[in-house]
């Protein structure tokens, strides 16, 4: 079994089309078909069901794909580890983050890190809270910044970098827009703009409202933090939002008001896998994050 055969097999399985896989691999279709035939002959099983130009995996093919994807990750990590031990300051880091950290937190941290290590490269992946945790566990990404930090997950290890306040974002025509602070109970009759079900920020906000005995009335949902801010800016409702997302600017026609009773917060931090040692470049960035936000916290206080 050759590495090239595995690469061709994974690409065809992903695209379910030999011609498209060949174009992606920049090789002739006949070369891909020949390598697949040789692989199936060596294994003694059919990995694909042929349907004209399309193909789909057989049950044994799906099982084989799972193992081969894991094998390719092991090979890729081994190559990266050798390269990074030779020169950690020229490695690559795969980092995930949610939309609430995309505009300010993540770029600020990476910019500061690259001032110290300008040759380090990043592969960035934006995703939802639970997909980021799963990505770290499966090895699709090396680490993730997210909030709140999952301290009970068995397969990841979390470090808290800072605590972020959840504030109210109101249209500037709202009756409470002139207030410096407000109680969450004062918003029980408002229409909320929130993330859809399954998003952790929605859970935080809904749980805070329930503690005060009311269920927020949700008028609109948005999967992106900027979309939510835009809907509030258009006067279509109010939202509770991490304060860190408003560092650079507050959307037009809106005001930010601190929420008290309760003081709603979330921890923000970085998670790494428990079952895999970080490579040298990853370890440099992980330690830098803890140092950077510790210094930032002391400066701000």
C-alpha atoms as a PDB file:
ATOM      1  CA  UNK A   1       0.000   0.000   0.000  1.00  0.00           C
ATOM      2  CA  UNK A   2       1.480   3.341  -1.082  1.00  0.00           C
ATOM      3  CA  UNK A   3       0.974   6.785   0.414  1.00  0.00           C
ATOM      4  CA  UNK A   4      -0.119   8.033  -3.017  1.00  0.00           C
ATOM      5  CA  UNK A   5      -2.876   5.412  -3.143  1.00  0.00           C
ATOM      6  CA  UNK A   6      -4.191   6.534   0.240  1.00  0.00           C
ATOM      7  CA  UNK A   7      -4.180  10.196  -0.846  1.00  0.00           C
ATOM      8  CA  UNK A   8      -6.057   9.356  -4.053  1.00  0.00           C
ATOM      9  CA  UNK A   9      -8.543   7.166  -2.160  1.00  0.00           C
ATOM     10  CA  UNK A  10      -9.347   9.900   0.400  1.00  0.00           C
ATOM     11  CA  UNK A  11      -9.829  12.537  -2.306  1.00  0.00           C
ATOM     12  CA  UNK A  12     -12.180  10.333  -4.353  1.00  0.00           C
ATOM     13  CA  UNK A  13     -14.121   9.351  -1.223  1.00  0.00           C
ATOM     14  CA  UNK A  14     -14.532  13.003  -0.294  1.00  0.00           C
ATOM     15  CA  UNK A  15     -15.729  14.116  -3.729  1.00  0.00           C
ATOM     16  CA  UNK A  16     -17.527  10.901  -4.795  1.00  0.00           C
ATOM     17  CA  UNK A  17     -16.308  11.583  -8.329  1.00  0.00           C
ATOM     18  CA  UNK A  18     -13.076  10.306  -9.905  1.00  0.00           C
ATOM     19  CA  UNK A  19     -12.730  13.111 -12.465  1.00  0.00           C
ATOM     20  CA  UNK A  20     -13.216  15.879  -9.893  1.00  0.00           C
ATOM     21  CA  UNK A  21     -10.721  14.180  -7.572  1.00  0.00           C
ATOM     22  CA  UNK A  22      -8.181  13.958 -10.399  1.00  0.00           C
ATOM     23  CA  UNK A  23      -8.575  17.683 -11.147  1.00  0.00           C
ATOM     24  CA  UNK A  24      -8.085  18.502  -7.467  1.00  0.00           C
ATOM     25  CA  UNK A  25      -4.969  16.315  -7.310  1.00  0.00           C
ATOM     26  CA  UNK A  26      -3.649  17.706 -10.639  1.00  0.00           C
ATOM     27  CA  UNK A  27      -3.186  14.244 -12.121  1.00  0.00           C
ATOM     28  CA  UNK A  28      -4.797  12.305 -14.951  1.00  0.00           C
ATOM     29  CA  UNK A  29      -8.089  10.540 -14.277  1.00  0.00           C
ATOM     30  CA  UNK A  30      -6.575   7.306 -15.550  1.00  0.00           C
ATOM     31  CA  UNK A  31      -3.835   7.539 -12.922  1.00  0.00           C
ATOM     32  CA  UNK A  32      -6.391   7.876 -10.123  1.00  0.00           C
ATOM     33  CA  UNK A  33      -8.510   4.994 -11.463  1.00  0.00           C
ATOM     34  CA  UNK A  34      -5.442   2.775 -11.778  1.00  0.00           C
ATOM     35  CA  UNK A  35      -4.265   3.452  -8.228  1.00  0.00           C
ATOM     36  CA  UNK A  36      -7.759   2.763  -6.841  1.00  0.00           C
ATOM     37  CA  UNK A  37      -7.908  -0.502  -8.774  1.00  0.00           C
ATOM     38  CA  UNK A  38      -4.484  -1.524  -7.427  1.00  0.00           C
ATOM     39  CA  UNK A  39      -5.510  -0.619  -3.869  1.00  0.00           C
ATOM     40  CA  UNK A  40      -8.736  -2.645  -4.043  1.00  0.00           C
ATOM     41  CA  UNK A  41      -6.839  -5.574  -5.586  1.00  0.00           C
ATOM     42  CA  UNK A  42      -4.276  -5.491  -2.785  1.00  0.00           C
ATOM     43  CA  UNK A  43      -6.971  -5.349  -0.089  1.00  0.00           C
ATOM     44  CA  UNK A  44      -9.185  -7.900  -1.802  1.00  0.00           C
ATOM     45  CA  UNK A  45     -12.377  -5.845  -1.353  1.00  0.00           C
ATOM     46  CA  UNK A  46     -14.417  -3.257  -3.249  1.00  0.00           C
ATOM     47  CA  UNK A  47     -14.062   0.148  -1.573  1.00  0.00           C
ATOM     48  CA  UNK A  48     -16.464   1.913  -3.952  1.00  0.00           C
ATOM     49  CA  UNK A  49     -19.768   1.304  -5.674  1.00  0.00           C
ATOM     50  CA  UNK A  50     -19.489   2.642  -9.249  1.00  0.00           C
ATOM     51  CA  UNK A  51     -22.482   4.582 -10.554  1.00  0.00           C
ATOM     52  CA  UNK A  52     -21.468   5.942 -13.937  1.00  0.00           C
ATOM     53  CA  UNK A  53     -18.985   8.750 -13.330  1.00  0.00           C
ATOM     54  CA  UNK A  54     -19.949   8.932  -9.689  1.00  0.00           C
ATOM     55  CA  UNK A  55     -18.775   6.613  -6.934  1.00  0.00           C
ATOM     56  CA  UNK A  56     -19.799   6.060  -3.337  1.00  0.00           C
ATOM     57  CA  UNK A  57     -18.177   4.157  -0.538  1.00  0.00           C
ATOM     58  CA  UNK A  58     -19.144   0.624   0.366  1.00  0.00           C
ATOM     59  CA  UNK A  59     -19.613  -0.091   4.102  1.00  0.00           C
ATOM     60  CA  UNK A  60     -16.061  -1.508   4.277  1.00  0.00           C
ATOM     61  CA  UNK A  61     -14.894   1.541   2.309  1.00  0.00           C
ATOM     62  CA  UNK A  62     -16.320   3.893   4.955  1.00  0.00           C
ATOM     63  CA  UNK A  63     -14.515   1.973   7.685  1.00  0.00           C
ATOM     64  CA  UNK A  64     -11.277   2.062   5.688  1.00  0.00           C
ATOM     65  CA  UNK A  65     -11.669   5.826   5.118  1.00  0.00           C
ATOM     66  CA  UNK A  66     -11.912   6.505   8.864  1.00  0.00           C
ATOM     67  CA  UNK A  67      -8.659   4.642   9.484  1.00  0.00           C
ATOM     68  CA  UNK A  68      -6.847   6.232   6.537  1.00  0.00           C
ATOM     69  CA  UNK A  69      -7.837   9.766   7.578  1.00  0.00           C
ATOM     70  CA  UNK A  70      -6.427   9.064  11.043  1.00  0.00           C
ATOM     71  CA  UNK A  71      -3.267   7.617   9.485  1.00  0.00           C
ATOM     72  CA  UNK A  72      -2.769  10.703   7.312  1.00  0.00           C
ATOM     73  CA  UNK A  73      -3.119  12.951  10.368  1.00  0.00           C
ATOM     74  CA  UNK A  74      -0.425  10.920  12.131  1.00  0.00           C
ATOM     75  CA  UNK A  75       1.879  11.245   9.117  1.00  0.00           C
ATOM     76  CA  UNK A  76       1.184  14.987   8.795  1.00  0.00           C
ATOM     77  CA  UNK A  77       1.828  15.571  12.503  1.00  0.00           C
ATOM     78  CA  UNK A  78       5.053  13.562  12.328  1.00  0.00           C
ATOM     79  CA  UNK A  79       6.316  15.693   9.429  1.00  0.00           C
ATOM     80  CA  UNK A  80       5.338  18.895  11.231  1.00  0.00           C
ATOM     81  CA  UNK A  81       7.011  17.725  14.430  1.00  0.00           C
ATOM     82  CA  UNK A  82      10.309  17.060  12.634  1.00  0.00           C
ATOM     83  CA  UNK A  83      10.159  20.433  10.874  1.00  0.00           C
ATOM     84  CA  UNK A  84       9.316  22.307  14.068  1.00  0.00           C
ATOM     85  CA  UNK A  85      12.044  20.641  16.111  1.00  0.00           C
ATOM     86  CA  UNK A  86      14.485  21.792  13.456  1.00  0.00           C
ATOM     87  CA  UNK A  87      13.106  25.356  13.684  1.00  0.00           C
ATOM     88  CA  UNK A  88      10.095  26.036  15.967  1.00  0.00           C
ATOM     89  CA  UNK A  89      10.009  29.671  14.870  1.00  0.00           C
ATOM     90  CA  UNK A  90       8.957  28.694  11.344  1.00  0.00           C
ATOM     91  CA  UNK A  91       6.181  26.225  12.160  1.00  0.00           C
ATOM     92  CA  UNK A  92       2.440  26.353  11.475  1.00  0.00           C
ATOM     93  CA  UNK A  93      -0.325  26.611  14.081  1.00  0.00           C
ATOM     94  CA  UNK A  94      -3.935  25.607  13.406  1.00  0.00           C
ATOM     95  CA  UNK A  95      -6.212  27.683  15.639  1.00  0.00           C
ATOM     96  CA  UNK A  96      -9.992  27.764  15.908  1.00  0.00           C
ATOM     97  CA  UNK A  97     -12.170  30.551  17.302  1.00  0.00           C
ATOM     98  CA  UNK A  98     -15.845  31.675  17.426  1.00  0.00           C
ATOM     99  CA  UNK A  99     -17.237  34.793  15.766  1.00  0.00           C
ATOM    100  CA  UNK A 100     -17.316  36.633  19.105  1.00  0.00           C
ATOM    101  CA  UNK A 101     -13.489  36.584  19.194  1.00  0.00           C
ATOM    102  CA  UNK A 102     -12.933  37.161  15.472  1.00  0.00           C
ATOM    103  CA  UNK A 103     -12.895  40.941  15.247  1.00  0.00           C
ATOM    104  CA  UNK A 104     -10.570  41.903  18.103  1.00  0.00           C
ATOM    105  CA  UNK A 105      -9.296  39.198  20.456  1.00  0.00           C
ATOM    106  CA  UNK A 106      -7.873  36.693  17.998  1.00  0.00           C
ATOM    107  CA  UNK A 107      -6.254  39.234  15.617  1.00  0.00           C
ATOM    108  CA  UNK A 108      -4.737  41.157  18.557  1.00  0.00           C
ATOM    109  CA  UNK A 109      -3.149  38.030  20.028  1.00  0.00           C
ATOM    110  CA  UNK A 110      -1.792  36.786  16.693  1.00  0.00           C
ATOM    111  CA  UNK A 111      -0.431  40.217  15.774  1.00  0.00           C
ATOM    112  CA  UNK A 112       1.435  40.470  19.098  1.00  0.00           C
ATOM    113  CA  UNK A 113       2.793  36.921  18.713  1.00  0.00           C
ATOM    114  CA  UNK A 114       4.059  37.561  15.185  1.00  0.00           C
ATOM    115  CA  UNK A 115       5.952  40.616  16.368  1.00  0.00           C
ATOM    116  CA  UNK A 116       8.056  38.159  18.364  1.00  0.00           C
ATOM    117  CA  UNK A 117       7.970  35.260  15.878  1.00  0.00           C
ATOM    118  CA  UNK A 118       7.353  36.762  12.411  1.00  0.00           C
ATOM    119  CA  UNK A 119       7.981  33.522  10.468  1.00  0.00           C
ATOM    120  CA  UNK A 120       5.303  31.455  12.212  1.00  0.00           C
ATOM    121  CA  UNK A 121       2.282  30.702  10.002  1.00  0.00           C
ATOM    122  CA  UNK A 122      -1.341  30.305  11.080  1.00  0.00           C
ATOM    123  CA  UNK A 123      -4.245  28.314   9.685  1.00  0.00           C
ATOM    124  CA  UNK A 124      -7.374  29.866  11.166  1.00  0.00           C
ATOM    125  CA  UNK A 125     -10.778  28.187  11.456  1.00  0.00           C
ATOM    126  CA  UNK A 126     -13.931  29.946  12.652  1.00  0.00           C
ATOM    127  CA  UNK A 127     -16.586  27.699  14.150  1.00  0.00           C
ATOM    128  CA  UNK A 128     -19.280  27.228  16.756  1.00  0.00           C
ATOM    129  CA  UNK A 129     -18.483  26.428  20.382  1.00  0.00           C
ATOM    130  CA  UNK A 130     -19.109  22.686  20.255  1.00  0.00           C
ATOM    131  CA  UNK A 131     -17.500  22.232  16.821  1.00  0.00           C
ATOM    132  CA  UNK A 132     -14.310  23.890  18.113  1.00  0.00           C
ATOM    133  CA  UNK A 133     -14.122  21.502  21.074  1.00  0.00           C
ATOM    134  CA  UNK A 134     -14.695  18.557  18.738  1.00  0.00           C
ATOM    135  CA  UNK A 135     -12.067  19.900  16.335  1.00  0.00           C
ATOM    136  CA  UNK A 136      -9.426  19.963  19.077  1.00  0.00           C
ATOM    137  CA  UNK A 137     -10.369  16.461  20.253  1.00  0.00           C
ATOM    138  CA  UNK A 138     -10.213  15.003  16.725  1.00  0.00           C
ATOM    139  CA  UNK A 139      -6.991  16.834  15.841  1.00  0.00           C
ATOM    140  CA  UNK A 140      -8.479  18.930  13.038  1.00  0.00           C
ATOM    141  CA  UNK A 141      -7.107  22.001  14.849  1.00  0.00           C
ATOM    142  CA  UNK A 142      -4.275  22.269  17.381  1.00  0.00           C
ATOM    143  CA  UNK A 143      -6.066  24.534  19.854  1.00  0.00           C
ATOM    144  CA  UNK A 144      -9.022  26.885  20.102  1.00  0.00           C
ATOM    145  CA  UNK A 145      -9.812  30.159  21.808  1.00  0.00           C
ATOM    146  CA  UNK A 146     -13.404  30.224  23.023  1.00  0.00           C
ATOM    147  CA  UNK A 147     -15.723  31.221  25.825  1.00  0.00           C
ATOM    148  CA  UNK A 148     -16.797  29.990  28.253  1.00  0.00           C
ATOM    149  CA  UNK A 149     -13.825  27.712  28.897  1.00  0.00           C
ATOM    150  CA  UNK A 150     -15.041  24.082  29.160  1.00  0.00           C
ATOM    151  CA  UNK A 151     -13.399  22.871  32.367  1.00  0.00           C
ATOM    152  CA  UNK A 152     -15.307  19.556  32.579  1.00  0.00           C
ATOM    153  CA  UNK A 153     -14.475  18.156  29.131  1.00  0.00           C
ATOM    154  CA  UNK A 154     -12.481  14.942  29.583  1.00  0.00           C
ATOM    155  CA  UNK A 155     -10.439  15.164  26.372  1.00  0.00           C
ATOM    156  CA  UNK A 156      -9.414  18.834  26.396  1.00  0.00           C
ATOM    157  CA  UNK A 157      -7.526  20.980  28.868  1.00  0.00           C
ATOM    158  CA  UNK A 158      -8.645  24.597  29.294  1.00  0.00           C
ATOM    159  CA  UNK A 159      -6.828  27.699  30.516  1.00  0.00           C
ATOM    160  CA  UNK A 160      -8.792  30.832  31.404  1.00  0.00           C
ATOM    161  CA  UNK A 161      -7.247  33.977  29.896  1.00  0.00           C
ATOM    162  CA  UNK A 162      -9.763  36.610  31.055  1.00  0.00           C
ATOM    163  CA  UNK A 163     -13.375  37.173  32.101  1.00  0.00           C
ATOM    164  CA  UNK A 164     -15.665  38.945  29.648  1.00  0.00           C
ATOM    165  CA  UNK A 165     -18.781  40.874  30.736  1.00  0.00           C
ATOM    166  CA  UNK A 166     -22.033  40.381  28.845  1.00  0.00           C
ATOM    167  CA  UNK A 167     -23.561  43.812  28.179  1.00  0.00           C
ATOM    168  CA  UNK A 168     -26.826  45.017  26.709  1.00  0.00           C
ATOM    169  CA  UNK A 169     -26.791  46.483  23.215  1.00  0.00           C
ATOM    170  CA  UNK A 170     -29.860  48.690  22.718  1.00  0.00           C
ATOM    171  CA  UNK A 171     -31.148  50.884  19.891  1.00  0.00           C
ATOM    172  CA  UNK A 172     -30.446  54.505  20.856  1.00  0.00           C
ATOM    173  CA  UNK A 173     -34.224  55.115  20.857  1.00  0.00           C
ATOM    174  CA  UNK A 174     -34.795  52.547  23.617  1.00  0.00           C
ATOM    175  CA  UNK A 175     -36.316  53.962  26.847  1.00  0.00           C
ATOM    176  CA  UNK A 176     -33.289  52.708  28.838  1.00  0.00           C
ATOM    177  CA  UNK A 177     -30.647  53.874  26.359  1.00  0.00           C
ATOM    178  CA  UNK A 178     -29.613  56.775  28.621  1.00  0.00           C
ATOM    179  CA  UNK A 179     -28.860  54.504  31.591  1.00  0.00           C
ATOM    180  CA  UNK A 180     -25.286  53.721  32.687  1.00  0.00           C
ATOM    181  CA  UNK A 181     -26.395  50.376  34.105  1.00  0.00           C
ATOM    182  CA  UNK A 182     -29.614  48.379  34.052  1.00  0.00           C
ATOM    183  CA  UNK A 183     -31.047  45.295  35.689  1.00  0.00           C
ATOM    184  CA  UNK A 184     -31.678  42.349  33.406  1.00  0.00           C
ATOM    185  CA  UNK A 185     -35.262  42.148  34.682  1.00  0.00           C
ATOM    186  CA  UNK A 186     -35.899  45.560  33.093  1.00  0.00           C
ATOM    187  CA  UNK A 187     -35.578  43.911  29.665  1.00  0.00           C
ATOM    188  CA  UNK A 188     -38.152  41.161  30.188  1.00  0.00           C
ATOM    189  CA  UNK A 189     -40.723  42.825  27.927  1.00  0.00           C
ATOM    190  CA  UNK A 190     -38.267  43.498  25.083  1.00  0.00           C
ATOM    191  CA  UNK A 191     -37.761  41.492  21.912  1.00  0.00           C
ATOM    192  CA  UNK A 192     -34.329  39.859  21.819  1.00  0.00           C
ATOM    193  CA  UNK A 193     -31.977  39.200  18.910  1.00  0.00           C
ATOM    194  CA  UNK A 194     -29.967  36.077  19.765  1.00  0.00           C
ATOM    195  CA  UNK A 195     -27.916  33.256  18.309  1.00  0.00           C
ATOM    196  CA  UNK A 196     -29.909  30.141  17.270  1.00  0.00           C
ATOM    197  CA  UNK A 197     -30.446  27.199  19.601  1.00  0.00           C
ATOM    198  CA  UNK A 198     -27.284  25.179  20.153  1.00  0.00           C
ATOM    199  CA  UNK A 199     -25.042  28.252  20.392  1.00  0.00           C
ATOM    200  CA  UNK A 200     -23.393  28.704  23.768  1.00  0.00           C
ATOM    201  CA  UNK A 201     -23.977  32.486  23.946  1.00  0.00           C
ATOM    202  CA  UNK A 202     -27.705  31.888  23.573  1.00  0.00           C
ATOM    203  CA  UNK A 203     -27.560  29.379  26.451  1.00  0.00           C
ATOM    204  CA  UNK A 204     -25.775  31.899  28.691  1.00  0.00           C
ATOM    205  CA  UNK A 205     -28.324  34.622  28.028  1.00  0.00           C
ATOM    206  CA  UNK A 206     -31.427  32.426  28.235  1.00  0.00           C
ATOM    207  CA  UNK A 207     -30.183  30.871  31.503  1.00  0.00           C
ATOM    208  CA  UNK A 208     -29.563  34.318  33.007  1.00  0.00           C
ATOM    209  CA  UNK A 209     -33.123  35.373  32.113  1.00  0.00           C
ATOM    210  CA  UNK A 210     -34.589  32.160  33.519  1.00  0.00           C
ATOM    211  CA  UNK A 211     -32.818  32.787  36.837  1.00  0.00           C
ATOM    212  CA  UNK A 212     -34.929  35.934  37.081  1.00  0.00           C
ATOM    213  CA  UNK A 213     -38.121  34.086  36.213  1.00  0.00           C
ATOM    214  CA  UNK A 214     -38.710  35.019  32.596  1.00  0.00           C
ATOM    215  CA  UNK A 215     -38.151  33.530  29.140  1.00  0.00           C
ATOM    216  CA  UNK A 216     -36.738  36.048  26.631  1.00  0.00           C
ATOM    217  CA  UNK A 217     -38.968  36.779  23.649  1.00  0.00           C
ATOM    218  CA  UNK A 218     -36.799  36.172  20.590  1.00  0.00           C
ATOM    219  CA  UNK A 219     -37.715  38.166  17.503  1.00  0.00           C
ATOM    220  CA  UNK A 220     -34.693  37.399  15.311  1.00  0.00           C
ATOM    221  CA  UNK A 221     -31.789  34.953  15.254  1.00  0.00           C
ATOM    222  CA  UNK A 222     -28.362  35.360  13.682  1.00  0.00           C
ATOM    223  CA  UNK A 223     -25.402  32.980  13.465  1.00  0.00           C
ATOM    224  CA  UNK A 224     -22.820  35.771  13.239  1.00  0.00           C
ATOM    225  CA  UNK A 225     -22.066  38.416  15.845  1.00  0.00           C
ATOM    226  CA  UNK A 226     -22.022  41.193  13.225  1.00  0.00           C
ATOM    227  CA  UNK A 227     -25.452  40.141  11.932  1.00  0.00           C
ATOM    228  CA  UNK A 228     -26.864  40.372  15.456  1.00  0.00           C
ATOM    229  CA  UNK A 229     -25.359  43.827  15.968  1.00  0.00           C
ATOM    230  CA  UNK A 230     -26.778  44.908  12.606  1.00  0.00           C
ATOM    231  CA  UNK A 231     -30.298  43.807  13.520  1.00  0.00           C
ATOM    232  CA  UNK A 232     -30.121  45.791  16.771  1.00  0.00           C
ATOM    233  CA  UNK A 233     -28.747  48.771  14.867  1.00  0.00           C
ATOM    234  CA  UNK A 234     -31.791  48.563  12.577  1.00  0.00           C
ATOM    235  CA  UNK A 235     -34.073  48.776  15.627  1.00  0.00           C
ATOM    236  CA  UNK A 236     -35.375  45.206  15.367  1.00  0.00           C
ATOM    237  CA  UNK A 237     -34.703  44.257  18.974  1.00  0.00           C
ATOM    238  CA  UNK A 238     -32.145  44.291  21.773  1.00  0.00           C
ATOM    239  CA  UNK A 239     -29.393  41.816  22.567  1.00  0.00           C
ATOM    240  CA  UNK A 240     -26.961  40.773  25.252  1.00  0.00           C
ATOM    241  CA  UNK A 241     -23.487  40.546  23.816  1.00  0.00           C
ATOM    242  CA  UNK A 242     -19.895  39.969  25.013  1.00  0.00           C
ATOM    243  CA  UNK A 243     -18.285  43.317  25.756  1.00  0.00           C
ATOM    244  CA  UNK A 244     -15.113  42.266  23.926  1.00  0.00           C
ATOM    245  CA  UNK A 245     -17.060  42.344  20.636  1.00  0.00           C
ATOM    246  CA  UNK A 246     -17.612  46.091  21.040  1.00  0.00           C
ATOM    247  CA  UNK A 247     -14.003  47.117  21.742  1.00  0.00           C
ATOM    248  CA  UNK A 248     -13.290  48.719  18.368  1.00  0.00           C
ATOM    249  CA  UNK A 249     -16.660  50.372  17.844  1.00  0.00           C
ATOM    250  CA  UNK A 250     -20.311  50.379  18.820  1.00  0.00           C
ATOM    251  CA  UNK A 251     -22.702  49.966  15.863  1.00  0.00           C
ATOM    252  CA  UNK A 252     -24.461  53.076  14.627  1.00  0.00           C
ATOM    253  CA  UNK A 253     -27.725  54.001  16.332  1.00  0.00           C
ATOM    254  CA  UNK A 254     -26.979  51.756  19.320  1.00  0.00           C
ATOM    255  CA  UNK A 255     -25.710  52.163  22.878  1.00  0.00           C
ATOM    256  CA  UNK A 256     -23.892  49.778  25.208  1.00  0.00           C
ATOM    257  CA  UNK A 257     -25.223  49.479  28.767  1.00  0.00           C
ATOM    258  CA  UNK A 258     -23.681  47.400  31.575  1.00  0.00           C
ATOM    259  CA  UNK A 259     -26.054  44.768  33.002  1.00  0.00           C
ATOM    260  CA  UNK A 260     -26.332  44.209  36.751  1.00  0.00           C
ATOM    261  CA  UNK A 261     -28.461  41.902  38.884  1.00  0.00           C
ATOM    262  CA  UNK A 262     -27.185  39.516  37.752  1.00  0.00           C
ATOM    263  CA  UNK A 263     -23.725  40.456  36.529  1.00  0.00           C
ATOM    264  CA  UNK A 264     -23.580  38.159  33.488  1.00  0.00           C
ATOM    265  CA  UNK A 265     -20.067  37.053  32.497  1.00  0.00           C
ATOM    266  CA  UNK A 266     -18.244  34.341  30.594  1.00  0.00           C
ATOM    267  CA  UNK A 267     -14.708  33.061  30.892  1.00  0.00           C
ATOM    268  CA  UNK A 268     -12.592  33.281  27.736  1.00  0.00           C
ATOM    269  CA  UNK A 269      -9.587  31.067  27.235  1.00  0.00           C
ATOM    270  CA  UNK A 270      -7.723  28.493  25.198  1.00  0.00           C
ATOM    271  CA  UNK A 271      -8.202  24.732  24.998  1.00  0.00           C
ATOM    272  CA  UNK A 272      -5.667  22.096  23.949  1.00  0.00           C
ATOM    273  CA  UNK A 273      -5.949  18.301  23.653  1.00  0.00           C
ATOM    274  CA  UNK A 274      -5.276  16.216  26.765  1.00  0.00           C
ATOM    275  CA  UNK A 275      -4.262  13.136  24.812  1.00  0.00           C
ATOM    276  CA  UNK A 276      -1.637  14.724  22.533  1.00  0.00           C
ATOM    277  CA  UNK A 277       1.488  16.725  23.318  1.00  0.00           C
ATOM    278  CA  UNK A 278       1.673  20.105  21.644  1.00  0.00           C
ATOM    279  CA  UNK A 279       4.320  20.505  18.962  1.00  0.00           C
ATOM    280  CA  UNK A 280       7.063  23.074  19.675  1.00  0.00           C
ATOM    281  CA  UNK A 281       5.484  25.960  17.713  1.00  0.00           C
ATOM    282  CA  UNK A 282       2.042  25.244  19.178  1.00  0.00           C
ATOM    283  CA  UNK A 283       3.527  25.178  22.672  1.00  0.00           C
ATOM    284  CA  UNK A 284       5.190  28.561  22.058  1.00  0.00           C
ATOM    285  CA  UNK A 285       1.852  30.122  21.087  1.00  0.00           C
ATOM    286  CA  UNK A 286      -0.047  28.465  23.941  1.00  0.00           C
ATOM    287  CA  UNK A 287       2.416  29.819  26.515  1.00  0.00           C
ATOM    288  CA  UNK A 288       2.419  33.218  24.792  1.00  0.00           C
ATOM    289  CA  UNK A 289      -1.375  33.490  25.067  1.00  0.00           C
ATOM    290  CA  UNK A 290      -1.282  32.952  28.825  1.00  0.00           C
ATOM    291  CA  UNK A 291       1.561  35.446  29.234  1.00  0.00           C
ATOM    292  CA  UNK A 292       0.019  38.047  26.903  1.00  0.00           C
ATOM    293  CA  UNK A 293      -3.429  38.131  28.490  1.00  0.00           C
ATOM    294  CA  UNK A 294      -1.954  38.059  31.997  1.00  0.00           C
ATOM    295  CA  UNK A 295       0.055  41.189  31.186  1.00  0.00           C
ATOM    296  CA  UNK A 296      -2.958  42.794  29.495  1.00  0.00           C
ATOM    297  CA  UNK A 297      -5.113  42.128  32.562  1.00  0.00           C
ATOM    298  CA  UNK A 298      -2.534  43.701  34.902  1.00  0.00           C
ATOM    299  CA  UNK A 299      -2.243  46.733  32.623  1.00  0.00           C
ATOM    300  CA  UNK A 300      -6.020  47.234  32.447  1.00  0.00           C
ATOM    301  CA  UNK A 301      -6.389  46.898  36.213  1.00  0.00           C
END
